[in-house]
Protein backbone atom coordinates (compact mmCIF):
# COMPACT_ATOMS: atom_id res chain seq x y z
CA UNK A 1 -39.17 2.65 39.13
CA UNK A 2 -38.88 0.18 36.49
CA UNK A 3 -40.40 -0.06 32.91
CA UNK A 4 -43.31 -2.67 34.16
CA UNK A 5 -44.54 0.06 36.79
CA UNK A 6 -44.61 3.06 34.24
CA UNK A 7 -46.13 1.23 32.13
CA UNK A 8 -48.93 -0.34 34.46
CA UNK A 9 -49.17 3.44 35.55
CA UNK A 10 -50.11 4.60 31.77
CA UNK A 11 -52.59 1.89 31.68
CA UNK A 12 -53.85 2.77 34.79
CA UNK A 13 -53.84 6.91 33.62
CA UNK A 14 -55.61 5.89 29.94
CA UNK A 15 -58.20 3.77 32.05
CA UNK A 16 -59.43 6.50 33.72
CA UNK A 17 -59.25 8.83 31.19
CA UNK A 18 -61.55 6.49 29.37
CA UNK A 19 -64.25 6.16 32.01
CA UNK A 20 -64.10 10.24 32.15
CA UNK A 21 -65.24 10.50 28.23
CA UNK A 22 -67.81 7.34 28.85
CA UNK A 23 -69.19 9.15 31.74
CA UNK A 24 -69.43 12.82 30.07
CA UNK A 25 -70.56 10.92 26.52
CA UNK A 26 -73.43 9.68 28.56
CA UNK A 27 -74.05 12.15 31.58
CA UNK A 28 -73.37 15.57 29.27
CA UNK A 29 -71.56 18.47 30.70
CA UNK A 30 -75.79 19.29 33.08
CA UNK A 31 -74.94 16.63 35.16
CA UNK A 32 -71.77 17.99 36.50
CA UNK A 33 -72.84 21.66 36.81
CA UNK A 34 -72.76 21.65 40.54
CA UNK A 35 -69.65 20.35 40.77
CA UNK A 36 -68.10 23.21 38.28
CA UNK A 37 -69.69 25.61 40.11
CA UNK A 38 -68.26 24.40 43.51
CA UNK A 39 -64.65 23.90 41.34
CA UNK A 40 -64.92 27.37 40.24
CA UNK A 41 -66.06 29.09 44.02
CA UNK A 42 -63.42 26.84 45.76
CA UNK A 43 -60.64 28.31 43.06
CA UNK A 44 -62.66 32.19 42.70
CA UNK A 45 -63.35 32.83 46.41
CA UNK A 46 -60.03 32.01 48.11
CA UNK A 47 -58.27 34.38 45.06
CA UNK A 48 -61.33 37.52 45.63
CA UNK A 49 -60.88 37.28 49.14
CA UNK A 50 -57.40 36.30 50.47
CA UNK A 51 -54.93 36.29 47.83
CA UNK A 52 -56.26 39.84 46.41
CA UNK A 53 -56.98 41.47 49.42
CA UNK A 54 -53.47 40.08 50.82
CA UNK A 55 -51.87 42.08 47.66
CA UNK A 56 -53.53 44.78 48.10
CA UNK A 57 -52.45 45.19 51.73
CA UNK A 58 -49.04 44.36 50.44
CA UNK A 59 -49.06 47.14 48.43
CA UNK A 60 -50.27 49.73 50.50
CA UNK A 61 -47.88 48.53 52.95
CA UNK A 62 -45.20 48.66 50.62
CA UNK A 63 -46.12 52.29 49.86
CA UNK A 64 -46.25 53.14 53.34
CA UNK A 65 -43.00 52.03 53.74
CA UNK A 66 -41.29 53.75 51.43
CA UNK A 67 -43.09 56.85 52.12
CA UNK A 68 -41.44 56.20 55.93
CA UNK A 69 -37.85 56.04 54.39
CA UNK A 70 -38.18 58.78 52.42
CA UNK A 71 -39.18 60.74 55.50
CA UNK A 72 -36.56 59.55 57.15
CA UNK A 73 -34.09 60.61 54.92
CA UNK A 74 -35.14 64.01 55.10
CA UNK A 75 -35.70 64.00 58.63
CA UNK A 76 -32.43 64.81 59.83
CA UNK A 77 -31.20 67.27 57.33
CA UNK A 78 -35.02 69.46 58.59
CA UNK A 79 -33.96 68.43 61.99
CA UNK A 80 -30.70 70.30 61.72
CA UNK A 81 -32.34 73.11 59.50
CA UNK A 82 -34.57 73.87 62.11
CA UNK A 83 -32.23 73.43 65.05
CA UNK A 84 -30.09 76.05 63.08
CA UNK A 85 -32.69 78.22 62.75
CA UNK A 86 -33.77 78.39 66.18
CA UNK A 87 -29.97 78.88 67.35
CA UNK A 88 -29.83 82.15 64.55
CA UNK A 89 -33.31 83.24 66.17
CA UNK A 90 -32.28 83.41 69.29
CA UNK A 91 -29.11 85.45 68.65
CA UNK A 92 -31.90 88.21 66.79
CA UNK A 93 -31.90 91.33 68.70
CA UNK A 94 -35.02 91.70 71.52
CA UNK A 95 -38.45 93.34 69.69
CA UNK A 96 -39.60 96.25 70.53
CA UNK A 97 -36.79 98.95 70.16
CA UNK A 98 -36.37 98.19 66.51
CA UNK A 99 -35.41 102.22 65.39
CA UNK A 100 -32.83 102.88 68.12
CA UNK A 101 -31.44 99.07 69.24
CA UNK A 102 -28.67 98.86 66.57
CA UNK A 103 -26.95 102.36 67.28
CA UNK A 104 -27.46 102.28 71.55
CA UNK A 105 -26.04 98.73 71.40
CA UNK A 106 -22.73 100.32 68.90
CA UNK A 107 -22.39 103.40 71.29
CA UNK A 108 -22.64 101.12 74.19
CA UNK A 109 -20.20 98.24 73.26
CA UNK A 110 -17.35 102.12 72.56
CA UNK A 111 -17.94 103.05 76.01
CA UNK A 112 -16.57 99.70 77.18
CA UNK A 113 -13.81 99.98 75.52
CA UNK A 114 -13.45 103.61 76.59
CA UNK A 115 -14.39 105.26 72.83
CA UNK A 116 -16.62 108.21 72.18
CA UNK A 117 -18.26 108.36 68.60
CA UNK A 118 -17.65 111.18 66.61
CA UNK A 119 -20.52 110.59 64.85
CA UNK A 120 -23.21 107.97 64.45
CA UNK A 121 -26.08 107.91 61.02
CA UNK A 122 -29.26 106.97 61.46
CA UNK A 123 -30.37 103.46 61.21
CA UNK A 124 -31.10 101.99 57.48
CA UNK A 125 -33.96 99.44 57.49
CA UNK A 126 -34.77 97.07 54.75
CA UNK A 127 -37.62 95.02 55.58
CA UNK A 128 -39.33 91.81 54.37
CA UNK A 129 -42.02 89.81 55.50
CA UNK A 130 -39.58 87.98 57.94
CA UNK A 131 -36.37 90.31 58.43
CA UNK A 132 -35.96 93.86 59.03
CA UNK A 133 -32.02 94.24 58.42
CA UNK A 134 -30.65 97.34 59.85
CA UNK A 135 -27.11 99.19 59.15
CA UNK A 136 -25.74 102.26 60.44
CA UNK A 137 -22.29 103.83 60.00
CA UNK A 138 -20.01 105.46 62.74
CA UNK A 139 -16.84 107.01 62.91
CA UNK A 140 -14.40 107.14 65.50
CA UNK A 141 -10.90 107.87 66.95
CA UNK A 142 -8.92 105.35 68.68
CA UNK A 143 -5.58 103.54 69.19
CA UNK A 144 -5.61 100.26 67.04
CA UNK A 145 -5.82 97.47 70.34
CA UNK A 146 -8.77 99.35 71.38
CA UNK A 147 -10.68 99.40 67.67
CA UNK A 148 -8.97 95.47 68.13
CA UNK A 149 -10.96 94.78 71.32
CA UNK A 150 -14.26 96.81 70.03
CA UNK A 151 -14.26 94.76 66.82
CA UNK A 152 -14.19 91.27 68.80
CA UNK A 153 -16.37 92.76 71.43
CA UNK A 154 -18.99 93.49 69.20
CA UNK A 155 -18.53 90.31 66.45
CA UNK A 156 -19.01 88.46 69.46
CA UNK A 157 -21.60 89.81 71.82
CA UNK A 158 -24.82 87.60 72.74
CA UNK A 159 -26.98 89.51 70.03
CA UNK A 160 -26.03 89.08 66.09
CA UNK A 161 -23.65 92.23 64.88
CA UNK A 162 -21.96 91.97 61.86
CA UNK A 163 -19.18 94.38 60.79
CA UNK A 164 -19.87 95.16 57.45
CA UNK A 165 -17.09 97.47 56.35
CA UNK A 166 -13.99 98.67 57.90
CA UNK A 167 -11.80 101.65 57.07
CA UNK A 168 -8.95 102.25 59.24
CA UNK A 169 -6.85 105.76 58.94
CA UNK A 170 -3.42 106.43 60.84
CA UNK A 171 -4.19 109.71 61.89
CA UNK A 172 -1.30 111.23 64.83
CA UNK A 173 1.46 108.90 66.02
CA UNK A 174 -1.54 106.50 68.53
CA UNK A 175 -4.73 107.45 67.08
CA UNK A 176 -6.73 105.85 64.01
CA UNK A 177 -9.47 107.29 62.13
CA UNK A 178 -11.87 104.55 62.14
CA UNK A 179 -15.40 104.49 59.69
CA UNK A 180 -17.49 101.45 59.94
CA UNK A 181 -20.38 100.00 58.88
CA UNK A 182 -22.05 97.78 60.73
CA UNK A 183 -25.72 95.37 60.92
CA UNK A 184 -27.90 93.28 62.32
CA UNK A 185 -30.87 90.86 61.03
CA UNK A 186 -34.35 91.61 63.39
CA UNK A 187 -37.39 89.64 63.07
CA UNK A 188 -40.07 91.49 61.90
CA UNK A 189 -43.18 92.17 63.94
CA UNK A 190 -45.25 89.72 61.78
CA UNK A 191 -42.95 87.14 62.25
CA UNK A 192 -43.47 86.47 65.86
CA UNK A 193 -41.44 86.43 69.01
CA UNK A 194 -37.88 85.34 69.76
CA UNK A 195 -37.88 81.41 70.47
């Protein structure tokens, strides 16, 4: 584009501007009311009904995406926790014999190893809304391999039984005097059945 062409375009713009000023001075702004109204409508309607609506939709969509991201972030943790809870619940003793289940299970497991208990305490229970913790103490005499096999058996039983404390004292050449405290957790009747 050369200088002559630029000068020509500037003169053309000046002439258009002069014509516009002349028309406005002679006709007035009232003459162009319909045009101004049409221009405003052409600008306002797309803005209000398309642009602003789309912005609201985009904002809503962004919020849903952020919510989904947050849910996804914690969903795996939640599912893992629920799976762990379900696994633990499957190992809780069955409902129904809350008062004698732990002592019956301990005596039965001792008999499997050929051990006769000297004494078994009554079941001590601590309850909350969902769980009952039961504890018993028992005394017996046994050789070390029998004692070890019994401990292994009781802690690897299908149902959750934990050896809280164990004291072994030598009693003669072959035998040991064993004092043991066992505990288990049970679901409270309020919490429902095992899963």
